[in-house]
């Protein structure tokens, strides 16, 4: 995963609604209609959020009839987690944390 990919994911997760959507998808696939019920937003606004999450690769979708079903892209999510876990900084005492 390159730095551009990480930046796109961070930008996508910088919105509280999108962060909540990712949290909701962490326990499995959800229909867009179920996601919409959890928010006080319009369907076009949900579509905008989902497009951003899908464009950065964190979420995948599949269409079934007129409904879209969304799920986390586990491989992409794990790559992002690994990148974040590898970040560290030096303390004043010179220790890396």
Protein backbone atom coordinates (compact mmCIF):
# COMPACT_ATOMS: atom_id res chain seq x y z
CA UNK A 1 0.00 0.00 0.00
CA UNK A 2 1.52 3.32 -1.01
CA UNK A 3 1.21 6.66 0.73
CA UNK A 4 -1.42 7.89 -1.76
CA UNK A 5 -3.65 4.93 -0.88
CA UNK A 6 -3.22 5.57 2.83
CA UNK A 7 -4.03 9.26 2.37
CA UNK A 8 -7.22 8.41 0.46
CA UNK A 9 -8.35 6.04 3.23
CA UNK A 10 -7.53 8.58 5.94
CA UNK A 11 -9.49 11.23 4.05
CA UNK A 12 -12.45 8.85 3.68
CA UNK A 13 -12.36 8.02 7.39
CA UNK A 14 -12.10 11.69 8.31
CA UNK A 15 -15.89 12.01 8.12
CA UNK A 16 -17.82 10.78 11.16
CA UNK A 17 -20.63 9.30 9.04
CA UNK A 18 -18.18 7.29 6.96
CA UNK A 19 -16.34 6.15 10.05
CA UNK A 20 -19.64 4.96 11.51
CA UNK A 21 -20.47 3.17 8.25
CA UNK A 22 -17.14 1.31 8.39
CA UNK A 23 -17.87 0.39 11.99
CA UNK A 24 -21.30 -0.95 10.98
CA UNK A 25 -19.76 -2.99 8.16
CA UNK A 26 -17.15 -4.49 10.48
CA UNK A 27 -19.61 -7.21 11.48
CA UNK A 28 -20.60 -8.12 7.93
CA UNK A 29 -22.31 -7.06 4.73
CA UNK A 30 -25.15 -4.56 4.91
CA UNK A 31 -27.74 -3.45 2.40
CA UNK A 32 -27.71 0.26 1.61
CA UNK A 33 -31.27 0.44 2.92
CA UNK A 34 -30.09 -0.76 6.36
CA UNK A 35 -27.27 1.75 6.41
CA UNK A 36 -29.68 4.52 5.46
CA UNK A 37 -31.95 3.64 8.39
CA UNK A 38 -29.10 4.32 10.82
CA UNK A 39 -28.58 7.92 9.67
CA UNK A 40 -30.64 11.04 9.25
CA UNK A 41 -29.41 11.62 5.71
CA UNK A 42 -30.89 11.32 2.23
CA UNK A 43 -30.22 8.42 -0.11
CA UNK A 44 -28.08 10.60 -2.44
CA UNK A 45 -25.95 11.63 0.56
CA UNK A 46 -25.47 7.97 1.53
CA UNK A 47 -24.51 7.20 -2.07
CA UNK A 48 -21.91 9.99 -1.93
CA UNK A 49 -20.39 8.54 1.27
CA UNK A 50 -20.40 5.02 -0.15
CA UNK A 51 -18.75 6.16 -3.38
CA UNK A 52 -15.89 7.71 -1.38
CA UNK A 53 -15.46 4.52 0.69
CA UNK A 54 -15.54 2.36 -2.44
CA UNK A 55 -13.21 4.64 -4.41
CA UNK A 56 -10.48 4.36 -1.75
CA UNK A 57 -10.93 0.57 -1.82
CA UNK A 58 -12.00 0.17 1.79
CA UNK A 59 -15.53 -0.95 0.90
CA UNK A 60 -16.84 -3.14 -1.91
CA UNK A 61 -20.36 -3.26 -3.23
CA UNK A 62 -22.49 -5.64 -5.16
CA UNK A 63 -25.86 -4.99 -6.71
CA UNK A 64 -28.80 -7.28 -6.12
CA UNK A 65 -31.91 -6.09 -7.88
CA UNK A 66 -32.29 -2.41 -7.10
CA UNK A 67 -30.28 -2.62 -3.86
CA UNK A 68 -26.57 -2.25 -3.25
CA UNK A 69 -24.94 -4.44 -0.61
CA UNK A 70 -21.75 -3.17 0.98
CA UNK A 71 -18.95 -4.92 2.84
CA UNK A 72 -15.45 -4.11 4.02
CA UNK A 73 -12.62 -5.08 1.72
CA UNK A 74 -10.75 -7.17 4.31
CA UNK A 75 -7.47 -7.28 2.40
CA UNK A 76 -7.38 -3.50 1.95
CA UNK A 77 -8.41 -2.94 5.58
CA UNK A 78 -5.64 -5.24 6.84
CA UNK A 79 -3.06 -3.48 4.64
CA UNK A 80 -4.17 -0.14 6.08
CA UNK A 81 -3.98 -1.51 9.64
CA UNK A 82 -0.45 -2.80 9.00
CA UNK A 83 0.63 0.58 7.65
CA UNK A 84 -0.77 2.35 10.72
CA UNK A 85 0.82 -0.18 13.11
CA UNK A 86 4.21 0.49 11.53
CA UNK A 87 4.05 4.20 12.32
CA UNK A 88 6.10 5.17 15.33
CA UNK A 89 7.73 8.18 16.93
CA UNK A 90 10.64 8.92 19.19
CA UNK A 91 10.04 9.90 22.80
CA UNK A 92 12.10 12.56 24.53
CA UNK A 93 14.12 9.73 26.07
CA UNK A 94 15.03 8.41 22.60
CA UNK A 95 12.74 5.38 22.77
CA UNK A 96 10.67 4.48 19.73
CA UNK A 97 6.94 4.00 20.40
